[in-house]
Each structure stands twice: as structure tokens, then as C-alpha cells.
PDB file of N, CA and C in Angstrom:
ATOM      1  N   UNK A   1     209.947 107.515 121.129  1.00  0.00           N
ATOM      2  CA  UNK A   1     209.477 106.577 122.144  1.00  0.00           C
ATOM      3  C   UNK A   1     209.776 107.124 123.477  1.00  0.00           C
ATOM      4  N   UNK A   2     208.626 107.085 124.376  1.00  0.00           N
ATOM      5  CA  UNK A   2     208.614 107.646 125.742  1.00  0.00           C
ATOM      6  C   UNK A   2     209.129 106.475 126.498  1.00  0.00           C
ATOM      7  N   UNK A   3     210.028 106.637 127.481  1.00  0.00           N
ATOM      8  CA  UNK A   3     210.503 105.626 128.384  1.00  0.00           C
ATOM      9  C   UNK A   3     209.830 105.765 129.802  1.00  0.00           C
ATOM     10  N   UNK A   4     209.061 106.907 130.056  1.00  0.00           N
ATOM     11  CA  UNK A   4     208.661 107.092 131.268  1.00  0.00           C
ATOM     12  C   UNK A   4     209.451 107.597 132.351  1.00  0.00           C
ATOM     13  N   UNK A   5     210.654 107.878 132.209  1.00  0.00           N
ATOM     14  CA  UNK A   5     211.679 108.399 133.182  1.00  0.00           C
ATOM     15  C   UNK A   5     211.728 109.888 132.964  1.00  0.00           C
ATOM     16  N   UNK A   6     210.572 110.438 133.107  1.00  0.00           N
ATOM     17  CA  UNK A   6     210.535 112.117 133.105  1.00  0.00           C
ATOM     18  C   UNK A   6     210.963 112.551 134.470  1.00  0.00           C
ATOM     19  N   UNK A   7     211.711 113.457 134.456  1.00  0.00           N
ATOM     20  CA  UNK A   7     212.234 114.235 135.667  1.00  0.00           C
ATOM     21  C   UNK A   7     211.363 115.265 135.792  1.00  0.00           C
ATOM     22  N   UNK A   8     210.676 115.541 137.222  1.00  0.00           N
ATOM     23  CA  UNK A   8     209.774 116.609 137.452  1.00  0.00           C
ATOM     24  C   UNK A   8     210.595 117.563 138.069  1.00  0.00           C
ATOM     25  N   UNK A   9     210.564 118.862 137.147  1.00  0.00           N
ATOM     26  CA  UNK A   9     211.143 120.190 137.574  1.00  0.00           C
ATOM     27  C   UNK A   9     210.451 121.017 138.253  1.00  0.00           C
ATOM     28  N   UNK A  10     209.206 120.612 138.350  1.00  0.00           N
ATOM     29  CA  UNK A  10     208.306 121.499 139.026  1.00  0.00           C
ATOM     30  C   UNK A  10     208.411 121.685 140.508  1.00  0.00           C
ATOM     31  N   UNK A  11     209.286 120.661 141.060  1.00  0.00           N
ATOM     32  CA  UNK A  11     209.428 120.503 142.593  1.00  0.00           C
ATOM     33  C   UNK A  11     210.285 121.741 142.978  1.00  0.00           C
ATOM     34  N   UNK A  12     209.672 122.537 143.992  1.00  0.00           N
ATOM     35  CA  UNK A  12     210.379 123.690 144.524  1.00  0.00           C
ATOM     36  C   UNK A  12     211.265 123.220 145.534  1.00  0.00           C
ATOM     37  N   UNK A  13     212.407 123.997 145.563  1.00  0.00           N
ATOM     38  CA  UNK A  13     213.579 123.665 146.548  1.00  0.00           C
ATOM     39  C   UNK A  13     212.938 124.425 147.918  1.00  0.00           C
ATOM     40  N   UNK A  14     212.813 123.602 149.158  1.00  0.00           N
ATOM     41  CA  UNK A  14     212.515 124.325 150.429  1.00  0.00           C
ATOM     42  C   UNK A  14     213.634 124.612 151.243  1.00  0.00           C
ATOM     43  N   UNK A  15     213.354 125.681 151.662  1.00  0.00           N
ATOM     44  CA  UNK A  15     214.521 126.361 152.435  1.00  0.00           C
ATOM     45  C   UNK A  15     214.115 126.247 154.021  1.00  0.00           C
ATOM     46  N   UNK A  16     215.030 125.858 154.895  1.00  0.00           N
ATOM     47  CA  UNK A  16     214.590 125.835 156.260  1.00  0.00           C
ATOM     48  C   UNK A  16     214.450 127.004 156.870  1.00  0.00           C
ATOM     49  N   UNK A  17     213.625 127.233 157.791  1.00  0.00           N
ATOM     50  CA  UNK A  17     213.312 128.326 158.518  1.00  0.00           C
ATOM     51  C   UNK A  17     214.216 128.534 159.691  1.00  0.00           C
ATOM     52  N   UNK A  18     215.464 129.213 159.515  1.00  0.00           N
ATOM     53  CA  UNK A  18     216.367 129.405 160.426  1.00  0.00           C
ATOM     54  C   UNK A  18     216.011 130.620 161.261  1.00  0.00           C
ATOM     55  N   UNK A  19     216.693 130.754 162.338  1.00  0.00           N
ATOM     56  CA  UNK A  19     216.575 131.942 163.194  1.00  0.00           C
ATOM     57  C   UNK A  19     216.954 133.225 162.397  1.00  0.00           C
ATOM     58  N   UNK A  20     217.793 133.265 161.554  1.00  0.00           N
ATOM     59  CA  UNK A  20     218.022 134.460 160.800  1.00  0.00           C
ATOM     60  C   UNK A  20     217.103 134.723 159.797  1.00  0.00           C
ATOM     61  N   UNK A  21     216.508 133.795 159.208  1.00  0.00           N
ATOM     62  CA  UNK A  21     215.320 133.941 158.457  1.00  0.00           C
ATOM     63  C   UNK A  21     214.253 134.470 159.054  1.00  0.00           C
ATOM     64  N   UNK A  22     213.986 133.996 160.208  1.00  0.00           N
ATOM     65  CA  UNK A  22     212.655 134.395 161.041  1.00  0.00           C
ATOM     66  C   UNK A  22     213.080 135.910 161.494  1.00  0.00           C
ATOM     67  N   UNK A  23     214.259 136.154 161.887  1.00  0.00           N
ATOM     68  CA  UNK A  23     214.422 137.519 162.254  1.00  0.00           C
ATOM     69  C   UNK A  23     214.427 138.646 161.094  1.00  0.00           C
ATOM     70  N   UNK A  24     214.753 138.241 160.011  1.00  0.00           N
ATOM     71  CA  UNK A  24     214.636 139.035 158.835  1.00  0.00           C
ATOM     72  C   UNK A  24     213.123 139.344 158.544  1.00  0.00           C
ATOM     73  N   UNK A  25     212.235 138.242 158.485  1.00  0.00           N
ATOM     74  CA  UNK A  25     210.958 138.371 158.184  1.00  0.00           C
ATOM     75  C   UNK A  25     210.327 139.234 159.160  1.00  0.00           C
ATOM     76  N   UNK A  26     210.644 139.013 160.600  1.00  0.00           N
ATOM     77  CA  UNK A  26     209.857 139.931 161.539  1.00  0.00           C
ATOM     78  C   UNK A  26     210.247 141.513 161.411  1.00  0.00           C
ATOM     79  N   UNK A  27     211.515 141.616 160.745  1.00  0.00           N
ATOM     80  CA  UNK A  27     212.054 142.950 160.651  1.00  0.00           C
ATOM     81  C   UNK A  27     211.261 143.524 159.493  1.00  0.00           C
ATOM     82  N   UNK A  28     210.968 142.831 158.426  1.00  0.00           N
ATOM     83  CA  UNK A  28     210.285 143.264 157.274  1.00  0.00           C
ATOM     84  C   UNK A  28     208.803 143.610 157.728  1.00  0.00           C
ATOM     85  N   UNK A  29     208.114 142.767 158.476  1.00  0.00           N
ATOM     86  CA  UNK A  29     206.662 142.825 158.821  1.00  0.00           C
ATOM     87  C   UNK A  29     206.583 143.994 159.702  1.00  0.00           C
ATOM     88  N   UNK A  30     207.474 144.205 160.791  1.00  0.00           N
ATOM     89  CA  UNK A  30     207.399 145.456 161.603  1.00  0.00           C
ATOM     90  C   UNK A  30     207.577 146.712 160.803  1.00  0.00           C
ATOM     91  N   UNK A  31     208.472 146.824 160.018  1.00  0.00           N
ATOM     92  CA  UNK A  31     208.682 147.896 159.220  1.00  0.00           C
ATOM     93  C   UNK A  31     207.444 148.416 158.258  1.00  0.00           C
ATOM     94  N   UNK A  32     206.970 147.294 157.728  1.00  0.00           N
ATOM     95  CA  UNK A  32     205.760 147.460 156.616  1.00  0.00           C
ATOM     96  C   UNK A  32     204.575 147.958 157.578  1.00  0.00           C
ATOM     97  N   UNK A  33     204.433 147.201 158.700  1.00  0.00           N
ATOM     98  CA  UNK A  33     203.335 147.655 159.498  1.00  0.00           C
ATOM     99  C   UNK A  33     203.353 149.160 160.008  1.00  0.00           C
ATOM    100  N   UNK A  34     204.468 149.504 160.407  1.00  0.00           N
ATOM    101  CA  UNK A  34     204.742 150.743 160.870  1.00  0.00           C
ATOM    102  C   UNK A  34     204.481 151.875 159.888  1.00  0.00           C
ATOM    103  N   UNK A  35     205.003 151.613 158.593  1.00  0.00           N
ATOM    104  CA  UNK A  35     204.720 152.414 157.484  1.00  0.00           C
ATOM    105  C   UNK A  35     203.237 152.702 157.252  1.00  0.00           C
ATOM    106  N   UNK A  36     202.558 151.497 157.327  1.00  0.00           N
ATOM    107  CA  UNK A  36     201.102 151.558 156.975  1.00  0.00           C
ATOM    108  C   UNK A  36     200.239 152.475 157.986  1.00  0.00           C
ATOM    109  N   UNK A  37     200.805 152.038 159.371  1.00  0.00           N
ATOM    110  CA  UNK A  37     200.161 152.932 160.540  1.00  0.00           C
ATOM    111  C   UNK A  37     200.483 154.410 160.267  1.00  0.00           C
ATOM    112  N   UNK A  38     201.495 154.579 160.002  1.00  0.00           N
ATOM    113  CA  UNK A  38     202.053 156.089 159.723  1.00  0.00           C
ATOM    114  C   UNK A  38     201.227 156.700 158.683  1.00  0.00           C
ATOM    115  N   UNK A  39     201.247 155.965 157.469  1.00  0.00           N
ATOM    116  CA  UNK A  39     200.415 156.614 156.361  1.00  0.00           C
ATOM    117  C   UNK A  39     199.072 156.720 156.691  1.00  0.00           C
ATOM    118  N   UNK A  40     198.402 155.653 157.247  1.00  0.00           N
ATOM    119  CA  UNK A  40     197.005 156.021 157.737  1.00  0.00           C
ATOM    120  C   UNK A  40     196.725 157.022 158.737  1.00  0.00           C
ATOM    121  N   UNK A  41     197.438 157.240 159.676  1.00  0.00           N
ATOM    122  CA  UNK A  41     197.570 158.340 160.683  1.00  0.00           C
ATOM    123  C   UNK A  41     197.653 159.659 159.998  1.00  0.00           C
ATOM    124  N   UNK A  42     198.574 159.775 159.007  1.00  0.00           N
ATOM    125  CA  UNK A  42     198.785 161.125 158.353  1.00  0.00           C
ATOM    126  C   UNK A  42     197.638 161.402 157.446  1.00  0.00           C
ATOM    127  N   UNK A  43     197.002 160.456 156.725  1.00  0.00           N
ATOM    128  CA  UNK A  43     195.918 160.594 156.010  1.00  0.00           C
ATOM    129  C   UNK A  43     194.594 161.171 156.557  1.00  0.00           C
ATOM    130  N   UNK A  44     194.420 160.427 157.973  1.00  0.00           N
ATOM    131  CA  UNK A  44     193.379 160.777 158.635  1.00  0.00           C
ATOM    132  C   UNK A  44     193.569 161.948 159.567  1.00  0.00           C
ATOM    133  N   UNK A  45     194.714 162.581 159.429  1.00  0.00           N
ATOM    134  CA  UNK A  45     195.045 163.775 160.379  1.00  0.00           C
ATOM    135  C   UNK A  45     194.839 163.571 161.774  1.00  0.00           C
ATOM    136  N   UNK A  46     195.629 162.423 162.244  1.00  0.00           N
ATOM    137  CA  UNK A  46     195.489 162.053 163.751  1.00  0.00           C
ATOM    138  C   UNK A  46     196.385 163.018 164.500  1.00  0.00           C
ATOM    139  N   UNK A  47     196.232 163.184 165.703  1.00  0.00           N
ATOM    140  CA  UNK A  47     197.118 164.264 166.380  1.00  0.00           C
ATOM    141  C   UNK A  47     198.602 163.663 166.617  1.00  0.00           C
ATOM    142  N   UNK A  48     198.747 162.401 166.639  1.00  0.00           N
ATOM    143  CA  UNK A  48     200.060 161.862 166.924  1.00  0.00           C
ATOM    144  C   UNK A  48     200.821 161.626 165.630  1.00  0.00           C
ATOM    145  N   UNK A  49     200.332 161.988 164.543  1.00  0.00           N
ATOM    146  CA  UNK A  49     200.980 161.545 162.982  1.00  0.00           C
ATOM    147  C   UNK A  49     202.269 162.036 163.092  1.00  0.00           C
ATOM    148  N   UNK A  50     202.773 163.211 163.531  1.00  0.00           N
ATOM    149  CA  UNK A  50     204.148 163.488 163.496  1.00  0.00           C
ATOM    150  C   UNK A  50     205.004 162.921 164.340  1.00  0.00           C
ATOM    151  N   UNK A  51     204.462 162.466 165.565  1.00  0.00           N
ATOM    152  CA  UNK A  51     205.448 161.431 166.371  1.00  0.00           C
ATOM    153  C   UNK A  51     205.520 160.123 165.586  1.00  0.00           C
ATOM    154  N   UNK A  52     204.471 159.673 165.105  1.00  0.00           N
ATOM    155  CA  UNK A  52     204.574 158.394 164.335  1.00  0.00           C
ATOM    156  C   UNK A  52     205.612 158.316 163.248  1.00  0.00           C
ATOM    157  N   UNK A  53     205.580 159.577 162.438  1.00  0.00           N
ATOM    158  CA  UNK A  53     206.514 159.868 161.303  1.00  0.00           C
ATOM    159  C   UNK A  53     208.058 159.724 161.859  1.00  0.00           C
ATOM    160  N   UNK A  54     208.107 160.502 163.047  1.00  0.00           N
ATOM    161  CA  UNK A  54     209.614 160.445 163.675  1.00  0.00           C
ATOM    162  C   UNK A  54     210.054 159.026 163.863  1.00  0.00           C
ATOM    163  N   UNK A  55     208.892 158.246 164.499  1.00  0.00           N
ATOM    164  CA  UNK A  55     209.301 156.788 165.028  1.00  0.00           C
ATOM    165  C   UNK A  55     209.626 156.002 163.888  1.00  0.00           C
ATOM    166  N   UNK A  56     208.836 156.360 162.859  1.00  0.00           N
ATOM    167  CA  UNK A  56     209.174 155.590 161.466  1.00  0.00           C
ATOM    168  C   UNK A  56     210.620 155.785 160.983  1.00  0.00           C
ATOM    169  N   UNK A  57     211.002 156.969 160.924  1.00  0.00           N
ATOM    170  CA  UNK A  57     212.248 157.543 160.673  1.00  0.00           C
ATOM    171  C   UNK A  57     213.353 156.761 161.449  1.00  0.00           C
ATOM    172  N   UNK A  58     213.132 156.799 162.747  1.00  0.00           N
ATOM    173  CA  UNK A  58     214.237 156.293 163.696  1.00  0.00           C
ATOM    174  C   UNK A  58     214.181 154.689 163.694  1.00  0.00           C
ATOM    175  N   UNK A  59     213.089 154.023 163.382  1.00  0.00           N
ATOM    176  CA  UNK A  59     213.053 152.616 163.243  1.00  0.00           C
ATOM    177  C   UNK A  59     213.391 152.012 161.920  1.00  0.00           C
ATOM    178  N   UNK A  60     213.509 152.957 161.065  1.00  0.00           N
ATOM    179  CA  UNK A  60     213.834 152.476 159.539  1.00  0.00           C
ATOM    180  C   UNK A  60     215.532 152.389 159.732  1.00  0.00           C
ATOM    181  N   UNK A  61     216.120 153.091 160.534  1.00  0.00           N
ATOM    182  CA  UNK A  61     217.515 152.943 160.668  1.00  0.00           C
ATOM    183  C   UNK A  61     217.810 151.978 161.692  1.00  0.00           C
ATOM    184  N   UNK A  62     217.149 151.889 162.770  1.00  0.00           N
ATOM    185  CA  UNK A  62     217.463 151.093 164.013  1.00  0.00           C
ATOM    186  C   UNK A  62     217.114 149.741 163.749  1.00  0.00           C
ATOM    187  N   UNK A  63     216.062 149.366 163.269  1.00  0.00           N
ATOM    188  CA  UNK A  63     215.744 147.812 163.057  1.00  0.00           C
ATOM    189  C   UNK A  63     216.625 146.998 162.007  1.00  0.00           C
ATOM    190  N   UNK A  64     217.047 147.620 160.981  1.00  0.00           N
ATOM    191  CA  UNK A  64     218.010 146.885 160.014  1.00  0.00           C
ATOM    192  C   UNK A  64     219.385 146.722 160.806  1.00  0.00           C
ATOM    193  N   UNK A  65     219.729 147.565 161.650  1.00  0.00           N
ATOM    194  CA  UNK A  65     220.966 147.595 162.467  1.00  0.00           C
ATOM    195  C   UNK A  65     220.777 146.346 163.423  1.00  0.00           C
ATOM    196  N   UNK A  66     219.758 146.355 164.114  1.00  0.00           N
ATOM    197  CA  UNK A  66     219.542 145.296 165.024  1.00  0.00           C
ATOM    198  C   UNK A  66     219.513 143.941 164.544  1.00  0.00           C
ATOM    199  N   UNK A  67     218.948 143.819 163.308  1.00  0.00           N
ATOM    200  CA  UNK A  67     218.863 142.587 162.637  1.00  0.00           C
ATOM    201  C   UNK A  67     220.295 142.117 162.127  1.00  0.00           C
ATOM    202  N   UNK A  68     221.015 143.109 161.645  1.00  0.00           N
ATOM    203  CA  UNK A  68     222.354 142.924 161.250  1.00  0.00           C
ATOM    204  C   UNK A  68     223.240 142.273 162.389  1.00  0.00           C
ATOM    205  N   UNK A  69     223.120 143.033 163.512  1.00  0.00           N
ATOM    206  CA  UNK A  69     223.715 142.605 164.701  1.00  0.00           C
ATOM    207  C   UNK A  69     223.371 141.235 165.317  1.00  0.00           C
ATOM    208  N   UNK A  70     221.978 140.961 165.145  1.00  0.00           N
ATOM    209  CA  UNK A  70     221.604 139.616 165.555  1.00  0.00           C
ATOM    210  C   UNK A  70     222.142 138.659 164.454  1.00  0.00           C
ATOM    211  N   UNK A  71     222.287 138.697 163.184  1.00  0.00           N
ATOM    212  CA  UNK A  71     222.753 137.890 162.369  1.00  0.00           C
ATOM    213  C   UNK A  71     224.295 137.511 162.470  1.00  0.00           C
ATOM    214  N   UNK A  72     224.990 138.823 162.932  1.00  0.00           N
ATOM    215  CA  UNK A  72     226.326 138.783 163.132  1.00  0.00           C
ATOM    216  C   UNK A  72     226.606 137.927 164.419  1.00  0.00           C
ATOM    217  N   UNK A  73     225.881 138.104 165.491  1.00  0.00           N
ATOM    218  CA  UNK A  73     225.913 137.458 166.704  1.00  0.00           C
ATOM    219  C   UNK A  73     225.637 135.803 166.468  1.00  0.00           C
ATOM    220  N   UNK A  74     224.674 135.305 165.776  1.00  0.00           N
ATOM    221  CA  UNK A  74     224.396 134.145 165.316  1.00  0.00           C
ATOM    222  C   UNK A  74     225.592 133.486 164.755  1.00  0.00           C
ATOM    223  N   UNK A  75     226.180 134.134 163.810  1.00  0.00           N
ATOM    224  CA  UNK A  75     227.583 133.676 163.024  1.00  0.00           C
ATOM    225  C   UNK A  75     228.639 133.551 163.998  1.00  0.00           C
ATOM    226  N   UNK A  76     228.795 134.446 164.914  1.00  0.00           N
ATOM    227  CA  UNK A  76     229.831 134.512 165.836  1.00  0.00           C
ATOM    228  C   UNK A  76     229.831 133.418 166.785  1.00  0.00           C
ATOM    229  N   UNK A  77     228.596 133.239 167.499  1.00  0.00           N
ATOM    230  CA  UNK A  77     228.467 132.060 168.420  1.00  0.00           C
ATOM    231  C   UNK A  77     228.275 130.714 167.807  1.00  0.00           C
ATOM    232  N   UNK A  78     227.991 130.472 166.449  1.00  0.00           N
ATOM    233  CA  UNK A  78     227.824 129.416 165.956  1.00  0.00           C
ATOM    234  C   UNK A  78     229.038 128.950 164.995  1.00  0.00           C
ATOM    235  N   UNK A  79     229.904 129.840 165.219  1.00  0.00           N
ATOM    236  CA  UNK A  79     231.183 129.715 164.062  1.00  0.00           C
ATOM    237  C   UNK A  79     230.882 129.503 162.683  1.00  0.00           C
ATOM    238  N   UNK A  80     229.757 130.057 162.088  1.00  0.00           N
ATOM    239  CA  UNK A  80     229.350 130.092 160.912  1.00  0.00           C
ATOM    240  C   UNK A  80     229.638 131.299 160.023  1.00  0.00           C
ATOM    241  N   UNK A  81     229.977 131.269 158.794  1.00  0.00           N
ATOM    242  CA  UNK A  81     230.002 132.459 158.062  1.00  0.00           C
ATOM    243  C   UNK A  81     228.722 133.001 157.615  1.00  0.00           C
ATOM    244  N   UNK A  82     228.500 134.361 157.749  1.00  0.00           N
ATOM    245  CA  UNK A  82     227.060 134.845 157.434  1.00  0.00           C
ATOM    246  C   UNK A  82     227.506 136.214 156.684  1.00  0.00           C
ATOM    247  N   UNK A  83     226.464 136.766 156.158  1.00  0.00           N
ATOM    248  CA  UNK A  83     226.534 137.791 155.401  1.00  0.00           C
ATOM    249  C   UNK A  83     227.041 139.064 156.105  1.00  0.00           C
ATOM    250  N   UNK A  84     226.930 138.907 157.498  1.00  0.00           N
ATOM    251  CA  UNK A  84     227.197 139.930 158.274  1.00  0.00           C
ATOM    252  C   UNK A  84     228.604 139.686 159.000  1.00  0.00           C
ATOM    253  N   UNK A  85     229.133 138.731 158.547  1.00  0.00           N
ATOM    254  CA  UNK A  85     230.684 138.287 159.049  1.00  0.00           C
ATOM    255  C   UNK A  85     231.662 139.434 158.869  1.00  0.00           C
ATOM    256  N   UNK A  86     232.411 139.769 159.923  1.00  0.00           N
ATOM    257  CA  UNK A  86     233.601 140.759 159.556  1.00  0.00           C
ATOM    258  C   UNK A  86     234.900 140.343 158.864  1.00  0.00           C
ATOM    259  N   UNK A  87     235.084 139.070 158.637  1.00  0.00           N
ATOM    260  CA  UNK A  87     236.245 138.510 158.159  1.00  0.00           C
ATOM    261  C   UNK A  87     236.043 138.418 156.493  1.00  0.00           C
ATOM    262  N   UNK A  88     235.609 139.421 155.801  1.00  0.00           N
ATOM    263  CA  UNK A  88     235.249 139.074 154.685  1.00  0.00           C
ATOM    264  C   UNK A  88     236.607 138.886 153.726  1.00  0.00           C
ATOM    265  N   UNK A  89     237.727 139.643 153.944  1.00  0.00           N
ATOM    266  CA  UNK A  89     238.934 139.518 153.206  1.00  0.00           C
ATOM    267  C   UNK A  89     239.587 138.197 153.621  1.00  0.00           C
ATOM    268  N   UNK A  90     239.330 137.475 154.715  1.00  0.00           N
ATOM    269  CA  UNK A  90     240.054 136.336 155.266  1.00  0.00           C
ATOM    270  C   UNK A  90     239.086 135.124 154.906  1.00  0.00           C
ATOM    271  N   UNK A  91     238.038 135.354 154.426  1.00  0.00           N
ATOM    272  CA  UNK A  91     237.065 134.180 153.995  1.00  0.00           C
ATOM    273  C   UNK A  91     237.609 133.193 152.932  1.00  0.00           C
ATOM    274  N   UNK A  92     238.275 133.822 151.914  1.00  0.00           N
ATOM    275  CA  UNK A  92     238.742 133.014 150.992  1.00  0.00           C
ATOM    276  C   UNK A  92     240.185 133.260 150.694  1.00  0.00           C
ATOM    277  N   UNK A  93     241.339 132.471 151.222  1.00  0.00           N
ATOM    278  CA  UNK A  93     242.531 132.807 151.239  1.00  0.00           C
ATOM    279  C   UNK A  93     243.143 132.783 149.714  1.00  0.00           C
ATOM    280  N   UNK A  94     242.708 131.896 148.851  1.00  0.00           N
ATOM    281  CA  UNK A  94     243.242 131.899 147.403  1.00  0.00           C
ATOM    282  C   UNK A  94     242.776 133.069 146.774  1.00  0.00           C
ATOM    283  N   UNK A  95     241.508 133.495 146.882  1.00  0.00           N
ATOM    284  CA  UNK A  95     241.107 134.558 146.282  1.00  0.00           C
ATOM    285  C   UNK A  95     241.724 135.903 146.728  1.00  0.00           C
ATOM    286  N   UNK A  96     241.936 136.030 148.104  1.00  0.00           N
ATOM    287  CA  UNK A  96     242.754 137.000 148.647  1.00  0.00           C
ATOM    288  C   UNK A  96     244.103 137.282 148.203  1.00  0.00           C
ATOM    289  N   UNK A  97     244.922 136.082 147.913  1.00  0.00           N
ATOM    290  CA  UNK A  97     246.260 136.105 147.466  1.00  0.00           C
ATOM    291  C   UNK A  97     246.272 136.552 145.837  1.00  0.00           C
ATOM    292  N   UNK A  98     245.204 135.927 145.188  1.00  0.00           N
ATOM    293  CA  UNK A  98     245.256 136.425 143.810  1.00  0.00           C
ATOM    294  C   UNK A  98     244.860 137.971 143.703  1.00  0.00           C
ATOM    295  N   UNK A  99     244.020 138.560 144.564  1.00  0.00           N
ATOM    296  CA  UNK A  99     243.654 140.038 144.472  1.00  0.00           C
ATOM    297  C   UNK A  99     245.017 140.696 144.819  1.00  0.00           C
ATOM    298  N   UNK A 100     245.639 140.269 145.935  1.00  0.00           N
ATOM    299  CA  UNK A 100     246.836 140.894 146.234  1.00  0.00           C
ATOM    300  C   UNK A 100     247.930 140.957 145.290  1.00  0.00           C
ATOM    301  N   UNK A 101     248.174 139.786 144.567  1.00  0.00           N
ATOM    302  CA  UNK A 101     248.963 139.573 143.439  1.00  0.00           C
ATOM    303  C   UNK A 101     248.873 140.547 142.281  1.00  0.00           C
ATOM    304  N   UNK A 102     247.499 140.671 141.999  1.00  0.00           N
ATOM    305  CA  UNK A 102     246.944 141.455 140.840  1.00  0.00           C
ATOM    306  C   UNK A 102     247.404 142.912 141.217  1.00  0.00           C
ATOM    307  N   UNK A 103     247.110 143.404 142.356  1.00  0.00           N
ATOM    308  CA  UNK A 103     247.311 144.617 142.879  1.00  0.00           C
ATOM    309  C   UNK A 103     248.829 145.011 142.636  1.00  0.00           C
ATOM    310  N   UNK A 104     249.643 144.036 143.228  1.00  0.00           N
ATOM    311  CA  UNK A 104     250.982 144.188 143.152  1.00  0.00           C
ATOM    312  C   UNK A 104     251.529 144.299 141.824  1.00  0.00           C
ATOM    313  N   UNK A 105     251.010 143.485 140.912  1.00  0.00           N
ATOM    314  CA  UNK A 105     251.397 143.494 139.455  1.00  0.00           C
ATOM    315  C   UNK A 105     250.931 144.896 138.810  1.00  0.00           C
ATOM    316  N   UNK A 106     249.899 145.351 139.099  1.00  0.00           N
ATOM    317  CA  UNK A 106     249.301 146.772 138.576  1.00  0.00           C
ATOM    318  C   UNK A 106     250.354 147.890 139.114  1.00  0.00           C
ATOM    319  N   UNK A 107     250.655 147.721 140.304  1.00  0.00           N
ATOM    320  CA  UNK A 107     251.419 148.829 140.920  1.00  0.00           C
ATOM    321  C   UNK A 107     252.968 148.948 140.358  1.00  0.00           C
ATOM    322  N   UNK A 108     253.521 147.526 140.071  1.00  0.00           N
ATOM    323  CA  UNK A 108     254.915 147.528 139.363  1.00  0.00           C
ATOM    324  C   UNK A 108     254.572 148.119 137.948  1.00  0.00           C
ATOM    325  N   UNK A 109     253.627 147.742 137.423  1.00  0.00           N
ATOM    326  CA  UNK A 109     253.335 148.170 135.883  1.00  0.00           C
ATOM    327  C   UNK A 109     253.327 149.695 135.788  1.00  0.00           C
ATOM    328  N   UNK A 110     252.666 150.375 136.743  1.00  0.00           N
ATOM    329  CA  UNK A 110     252.243 151.730 136.854  1.00  0.00           C
ATOM    330  C   UNK A 110     253.671 152.330 137.111  1.00  0.00           C
ATOM    331  N   UNK A 111     254.455 151.763 137.852  1.00  0.00           N
ATOM    332  CA  UNK A 111     255.862 152.303 138.197  1.00  0.00           C
ATOM    333  C   UNK A 111     256.829 152.271 137.108  1.00  0.00           C
ATOM    334  N   UNK A 112     256.753 151.269 136.417  1.00  0.00           N
ATOM    335  CA  UNK A 112     257.511 150.932 135.090  1.00  0.00           C
ATOM    336  C   UNK A 112     257.089 151.946 134.084  1.00  0.00           C
ATOM    337  N   UNK A 113     255.774 152.274 133.914  1.00  0.00           N
ATOM    338  CA  UNK A 113     255.311 153.196 132.965  1.00  0.00           C
ATOM    339  C   UNK A 113     255.748 154.559 133.390  1.00  0.00           C
ATOM    340  N   UNK A 114     255.717 154.996 134.775  1.00  0.00           N
ATOM    341  CA  UNK A 114     256.091 156.300 134.961  1.00  0.00           C
ATOM    342  C   UNK A 114     257.662 156.575 134.893  1.00  0.00           C
ATOM    343  N   UNK A 115     258.445 155.294 135.123  1.00  0.00           N
ATOM    344  CA  UNK A 115     260.037 155.365 134.778  1.00  0.00           C
ATOM    345  C   UNK A 115     260.195 155.746 133.245  1.00  0.00           C
ATOM    346  N   UNK A 116     259.483 154.860 132.394  1.00  0.00           N
ATOM    347  CA  UNK A 116     259.643 155.128 130.951  1.00  0.00           C
ATOM    348  C   UNK A 116     259.083 156.481 130.486  1.00  0.00           C
ATOM    349  N   UNK A 117     258.187 157.032 131.187  1.00  0.00           N
ATOM    350  CA  UNK A 117     257.735 158.459 130.527  1.00  0.00           C
ATOM    351  C   UNK A 117     258.596 159.504 131.164  1.00  0.00           C
ATOM    352  N   UNK A 118     259.346 159.165 132.093  1.00  0.00           N
ATOM    353  CA  UNK A 118     260.440 160.226 132.657  1.00  0.00           C
ATOM    354  C   UNK A 118     261.608 160.321 131.976  1.00  0.00           C
ATOM    355  N   UNK A 119     261.927 159.304 131.165  1.00  0.00           N
ATOM    356  CA  UNK A 119     263.214 159.095 130.314  1.00  0.00           C
ATOM    357  C   UNK A 119     262.926 159.759 129.029  1.00  0.00           C
TER     358      UNK A 119
END
């Protein structure tokens, strides 16, 4: 028997367009456009193709770094944790304590095994 209380799971979750998301998309679009222009210039043997290729290599490194710095600054000035946050080890004190305890236990266990093997 159908009660008519079906849940519609086709609804997509909407993500807000934040400054970080916009910066990431701008970075992606600029890199792709630059690669396409460089490829077309190389295929058509344009005189500045070698310069475009060098610019592509430089921007491939430079743009992601600038995007990371922007995301880090955004998190720094808004006091929010981002993927670019520098305090990764301090972000979850319980997990850090557990990790340190496990490391300490493994070091003690190795020391005990080493002492046993020497006897």
C-alpha cells in the first residue's frame, strides 16, 4: 500500500559560491585557456609559441601557489580552518594526543624488543 510519503532523493545539494570557490574556478579557467592558446600557437607554428610555452610552465607553478595563498589568507582573516591552514596538527587535539600515544607506545615496544634481543 502506497502512503504517498515518498522522499525525493533526486534533489541535488547546492553549494554556496564562496570567494575560495570562485578563486579556484578562476585558476582552473585561466590554466586551461593558457594551455589551449599555447597548443594552438604551437600547432600553427606562430613565432611566439616558445615564449607562450615558457609562460605556461611558469604559470602552471605560480597560479596554484597564488590560489593557495589566497585561500590561506581567507582562512587567516576570517579565523576559519581551510585546507591551506598551517595548524593541521593542532586542529584536532584528541586525534593528536592519540597519535602521540601510539608513537610513544611503539617506541617503548621497539626498545623492549631491542633489550630482549640483546639478552
